Protein backbone atom coordinates (compact mmCIF):
# COMPACT_ATOMS: atom_id res chain seq x y z
CA UNK A 1 -85.81 52.94 96.65
CA UNK A 2 -84.97 55.60 99.95
CA UNK A 3 -85.73 59.44 100.86
CA UNK A 4 -84.61 61.94 102.12
CA UNK A 5 -86.17 63.45 105.33
CA UNK A 6 -85.46 67.12 107.52
CA UNK A 7 -85.69 65.79 111.21
CA UNK A 8 -86.55 69.74 112.53
CA UNK A 9 -85.87 69.59 116.33
CA UNK A 10 -88.48 71.65 118.25
CA UNK A 11 -86.77 72.98 121.29
CA UNK A 12 -87.62 74.61 124.83
CA UNK A 13 -84.96 78.02 124.36
CA UNK A 14 -83.08 76.90 127.50
CA UNK A 15 -83.06 73.20 126.27
CA UNK A 16 -80.64 73.41 123.91
CA UNK A 17 -76.48 72.21 124.57
CA UNK A 18 -75.58 75.97 123.77
CA UNK A 19 -78.76 77.62 126.58
CA UNK A 20 -78.11 74.65 129.07
CA UNK A 21 -74.44 73.88 130.04
CA UNK A 22 -75.05 72.18 132.55
CA UNK A 23 -77.50 69.19 130.73
CA UNK A 24 -75.22 69.46 127.45
CA UNK A 25 -73.20 65.93 128.20
CA UNK A 26 -76.52 64.58 128.76
CA UNK A 27 -78.49 66.26 125.47
CA UNK A 28 -75.01 65.80 123.28
CA UNK A 29 -75.14 61.67 124.30
CA UNK A 30 -78.64 61.12 122.78
CA UNK A 31 -77.81 62.84 119.75
CA UNK A 32 -75.22 60.41 119.41
CA UNK A 33 -77.11 57.54 120.26
CA UNK A 34 -79.56 58.61 117.90
CA UNK A 35 -76.67 58.58 115.37
CA UNK A 36 -75.51 55.62 116.74
CA UNK A 37 -78.96 53.58 115.84
CA UNK A 38 -79.61 55.61 112.26
CA UNK A 39 -76.35 54.21 111.41
CA UNK A 40 -77.46 50.03 112.38
CA UNK A 41 -80.92 49.63 112.20
CA UNK A 42 -80.77 50.61 107.75
CA UNK A 43 -80.98 55.10 108.06
CA UNK A 44 -78.50 57.60 107.33
CA UNK A 45 -77.36 60.73 108.64
CA UNK A 46 -76.86 63.01 105.20
CA UNK A 47 -76.72 66.78 107.22
CA UNK A 48 -77.26 68.15 110.04
CA UNK A 49 -76.86 71.11 112.10
CA UNK A 50 -77.75 72.59 115.52
CA UNK A 51 -78.54 75.77 115.29
CA UNK A 52 -77.99 78.97 117.74
CA UNK A 53 -80.51 80.75 119.84
CA UNK A 54 -83.72 82.29 118.04
CA UNK A 55 -82.57 85.61 119.60
CA UNK A 56 -79.17 85.70 116.79
CA UNK A 57 -81.78 85.42 113.95
CA UNK A 58 -81.85 87.92 111.64
CA UNK A 59 -85.76 87.75 109.26
CA UNK A 60 -85.59 89.36 106.29
CA UNK A 61 -88.76 90.31 105.15
CA UNK A 62 -88.90 91.28 101.17
CA UNK A 63 -90.10 94.87 100.64
CA UNK A 64 -90.66 95.52 104.46
CA UNK A 65 -87.08 95.01 106.27
CA UNK A 66 -84.71 93.05 108.15
CA UNK A 67 -85.36 92.29 112.12
CA UNK A 68 -82.60 91.19 114.47
CA UNK A 69 -84.19 88.19 116.60
CA UNK A 70 -87.18 85.68 116.71
CA UNK A 71 -90.10 87.47 115.08
CA UNK A 72 -92.79 85.98 117.25
CA UNK A 73 -92.61 84.55 121.11
CA UNK A 74 -92.43 80.63 120.70
CA UNK A 75 -92.25 78.57 123.56
CA UNK A 76 -90.01 76.19 121.63
CA UNK A 77 -87.87 77.41 118.64
CA UNK A 78 -86.62 74.84 115.96
CA UNK A 79 -82.38 74.19 117.66
CA UNK A 80 -81.51 71.46 115.18
CA UNK A 81 -81.63 69.81 111.93
CA UNK A 82 -81.09 66.66 110.86
CA UNK A 83 -81.27 65.40 107.22
CA UNK A 84 -81.85 61.18 107.29
CA UNK A 85 -82.09 59.26 103.97
CA UNK A 86 -84.29 55.90 105.39
CA UNK A 87 -86.70 53.48 103.41
CA UNK A 88 -88.50 52.60 106.90
CA UNK A 89 -90.14 55.89 108.70
CA UNK A 90 -91.73 54.26 110.86
CA UNK A 91 -88.37 53.03 111.68
CA UNK A 92 -87.29 56.29 111.71
CA UNK A 93 -90.34 57.44 114.33
CA UNK A 94 -89.31 54.45 116.06
CA UNK A 95 -86.07 55.71 117.14
CA UNK A 96 -86.73 59.37 118.17
CA UNK A 97 -88.90 58.42 120.27
CA UNK A 98 -86.96 55.87 121.67
CA UNK A 99 -83.86 57.83 122.05
CA UNK A 100 -85.47 61.53 123.01
CA UNK A 101 -87.90 60.39 125.39
CA UNK A 102 -88.68 62.90 127.86
CA UNK A 103 -86.34 65.00 127.09
CA UNK A 104 -88.83 67.80 126.57
CA UNK A 105 -88.36 68.14 122.72
CA UNK A 106 -90.74 68.21 120.03
CA UNK A 107 -89.54 66.64 116.30
CA UNK A 108 -91.23 67.28 113.18
CA UNK A 109 -90.30 64.78 110.09
CA UNK A 110 -90.78 66.01 106.53
CA UNK A 111 -89.70 64.82 103.21
CA UNK A 112 -87.51 67.40 101.52
CA UNK A 113 -88.04 67.88 98.02
CA UNK A 114 -85.85 65.90 95.15
CA UNK A 115 -85.68 69.03 92.15
CA UNK A 116 -83.90 65.79 89.75
CA UNK A 117 -80.49 65.82 88.57
CA UNK A 118 -76.84 66.36 89.73
CA UNK A 119 -78.05 68.19 92.74
CA UNK A 120 -80.88 65.75 94.14
CA UNK A 121 -77.54 62.99 93.60
CA UNK A 122 -76.08 65.73 95.47
CA UNK A 123 -78.38 65.68 98.53
CA UNK A 124 -78.29 61.83 98.54
CA UNK A 125 -74.58 61.35 98.38
CA UNK A 126 -72.54 62.11 101.48
CA UNK A 127 -69.62 64.98 101.12
CA UNK A 128 -66.58 63.76 99.14
CA UNK A 129 -67.79 60.41 98.03
CA UNK A 130 -68.35 59.85 93.73
CA UNK A 131 -72.57 59.93 92.75
C-alpha cells in the first residue's frame, strides 16, 4: 500500500531560486531531475509548491493578533513542499540524497494523515483523473 509523504524543503533564506537568480537555472535543473527520478523509480508526485520568502508571510496567532514576516529568525525556512506517493520510503530518501547532494538544504519527509473518505482518494488521485 502506498503512503503519501510531505517532503518539506528547509532552505537557507538566500538559497531559493526566487532569492538567488544567479543559481535559479541550476536549482531548477535539480528539481527537474528529482521529478524525473521519482516517476522513473515508481513514486508519484501528487502536489507541491515553491514558497515565497519567509518575509512575505503573515502569521496569525489566534487571540493575540497577526505578525507580518517570519515569526522567528532561523537560518533555514521552508522554501517548498512536495507531496509524493510511494511504497518505498528508502528509495525516496536515496533519490533526494543523490539529486540534491551538496545543495545546502535539509529535506524532511513526513507521512501525511489519511482521514479516509473521498478526501483521501482525492489526495492520491491526480487532478482530472477518475478516483
